[in-house]
Amino acid sequence: QVRLVESGGGLVQAGGSLRLSCAASGDILRINTMAWYRQTPGTGRELVASMPSGGGTIYADSVKGRFTISRDNAKNTVSLQMNSLKPEDTAHYYCEAVASTPRSGPRVQQQFWGQGTQVTVSS
């Protein structure tokens, strides 16, 4: 299977910056999309930023202009640079990868999740 490990969360004051990183490892045939989601207690998981292997990015309206997603396809990593953080950005952030494995074959894409990392922005 595919394992995702996030790092970089923490506590920061409003207006500050944090950089989240995620590394994928395991039985990977090909990773298609890598993305960041976030979730607060009592709410569903929402997409923050997404980046397919071919390039291009998708951002939630709430983070446009403040967050930047990047990835290294050779290293199977994805990062999220978060600037001008606001208290409402406080959440548990999850890394997601849509990938195929040797077991599933190239035509089957599966969704994998990391354990997440907490980001807390104080006012």
Protein backbone atom coordinates (compact mmCIF):
# COMPACT_ATOMS: atom_id res chain seq x y z
CA GLN A 1 0.00 0.00 0.00
CA VAL A 2 0.87 3.68 -0.08
CA ARG A 3 1.92 5.48 3.07
CA LEU A 4 1.70 9.26 3.46
CA VAL A 5 3.52 11.07 6.25
CA GLU A 6 2.89 14.76 6.94
CA SER A 7 5.06 17.18 8.85
CA GLY A 8 5.30 20.87 9.54
CA GLY A 9 2.18 21.68 11.51
CA GLY A 10 2.21 23.69 14.70
CA LEU A 11 1.09 26.83 16.48
CA VAL A 12 1.55 30.21 14.83
CA GLN A 13 0.22 33.70 15.35
CA ALA A 14 -2.18 35.27 12.88
CA GLY A 15 -0.28 36.69 9.95
CA GLY A 16 2.47 34.13 10.27
CA SER A 17 3.54 31.32 7.97
CA LEU A 18 3.89 27.57 8.07
CA ARG A 19 5.04 25.02 5.55
CA LEU A 20 3.51 21.56 5.48
CA SER A 21 5.25 18.67 3.79
CA CYS A 22 4.07 15.20 2.84
CA ALA A 23 6.08 12.25 1.61
CA ALA A 24 4.57 9.23 -0.07
CA SER A 25 6.22 5.83 0.11
CA GLY A 26 5.39 2.18 -0.37
CA ASP A 27 4.17 0.20 -3.34
CA ILE A 28 3.59 3.03 -5.78
CA LEU A 29 3.12 2.55 -9.46
CA ARG A 30 2.15 6.10 -10.26
CA ILE A 31 0.78 9.03 -8.29
CA ASN A 32 -1.77 11.09 -10.15
CA THR A 33 -3.07 13.83 -7.90
CA MET A 34 -1.63 15.01 -4.60
CA ALA A 35 -3.64 17.36 -2.46
CA TRP A 36 -4.15 18.91 0.94
CA TYR A 37 -7.43 18.82 2.82
CA ARG A 38 -8.37 20.16 6.20
CA GLN A 39 -10.96 19.37 8.80
CA THR A 40 -12.23 20.96 11.99
CA PRO A 41 -14.23 19.14 14.67
CA GLY A 42 -17.80 18.58 13.60
CA THR A 43 -17.22 19.43 9.96
CA GLY A 44 -16.39 17.50 6.84
CA ARG A 45 -13.01 17.37 5.22
CA GLU A 46 -12.58 20.23 2.74
CA LEU A 47 -10.17 20.59 -0.14
CA VAL A 48 -7.49 23.21 0.43
CA ALA A 49 -5.29 22.73 -2.63
CA SER A 50 -4.77 20.09 -5.27
CA MET A 51 -2.14 19.42 -7.90
CA PRO A 52 -2.26 16.69 -10.55
CA SER A 53 0.93 15.12 -11.83
CA GLY A 54 0.70 17.00 -15.09
CA GLY A 55 0.66 20.39 -13.44
CA GLY A 56 -1.98 22.96 -12.72
CA THR A 57 -3.42 23.77 -9.33
CA ILE A 58 -6.77 24.09 -7.64
CA TYR A 59 -7.27 26.16 -4.51
CA ALA A 60 -10.15 26.76 -2.18
CA ASP A 61 -11.36 30.33 -2.50
CA SER A 62 -10.56 30.94 1.14
CA VAL A 63 -6.83 30.31 0.64
CA LYS A 64 -6.20 31.77 -2.82
CA GLY A 65 -3.34 34.22 -2.79
CA ARG A 66 -2.11 32.98 0.59
CA PHE A 67 -1.34 29.29 0.14
CA THR A 68 0.85 27.67 -2.49
CA ILE A 69 0.97 23.97 -3.28
CA SER A 70 4.01 22.39 -4.88
CA ARG A 71 5.17 18.87 -5.54
CA ASP A 72 8.24 16.93 -6.53
CA ASN A 73 7.13 14.06 -8.71
CA ALA A 74 10.53 12.39 -8.60
CA LYS A 75 10.48 12.29 -4.80
CA ASN A 76 6.73 11.74 -4.40
CA THR A 77 6.40 14.72 -2.12
CA VAL A 78 3.95 17.57 -1.88
CA SER A 79 4.20 20.75 0.14
CA LEU A 80 1.86 23.51 1.17
CA GLN A 81 3.29 26.94 1.90
CA MET A 82 0.81 28.84 4.04
CA ASN A 83 1.27 32.58 4.42
CA SER A 84 -0.83 35.28 6.07
CA LEU A 85 -2.45 32.66 8.24
CA LYS A 86 -5.77 33.44 9.88
CA PRO A 87 -7.45 31.91 12.95
CA GLU A 88 -10.02 30.36 10.62
CA ASP A 89 -7.21 28.33 9.02
CA THR A 90 -6.97 26.38 12.26
CA ALA A 91 -7.65 22.74 11.40
CA HIS A 92 -6.18 19.29 11.05
CA TYR A 93 -4.52 19.16 7.66
CA TYR A 94 -4.39 15.94 5.69
CA CYS A 95 -2.29 14.93 2.72
CA GLU A 96 -4.07 12.94 0.03
CA ALA A 97 -2.70 11.01 -2.91
CA VAL A 98 -4.58 9.37 -5.74
CA ALA A 99 -2.34 6.62 -7.00
CA SER A 100 -2.10 3.27 -8.66
CA THR A 101 -0.15 0.40 -7.16
CA PRO A 102 1.46 -2.71 -8.63
CA ARG A 103 -1.34 -4.74 -7.05
CA SER A 104 -4.16 -2.60 -8.45
CA GLY A 105 -2.60 -2.08 -11.85
CA PRO A 106 -2.22 1.17 -13.80
CA ARG A 107 -5.91 1.61 -14.58
CA VAL A 108 -7.13 1.56 -10.98
CA GLN A 109 -6.69 4.75 -8.99
CA GLN A 110 -6.97 4.55 -5.23
CA GLN A 111 -7.20 7.28 -2.65
CA PHE A 112 -4.72 7.31 0.20
CA TRP A 113 -4.57 9.55 3.26
CA GLY A 114 -1.98 10.54 5.80
CA GLN A 115 -2.64 10.80 9.53
CA GLY A 116 -2.70 14.57 9.33
CA THR A 117 -0.96 17.39 11.13
CA GLN A 118 -2.51 20.05 13.33
CA VAL A 119 -2.29 23.71 12.41
CA THR A 120 -3.39 26.20 15.05
CA VAL A 121 -3.45 29.93 14.34
CA SER A 122 -3.85 32.21 17.34
CA SER A 123 -5.40 35.65 17.09
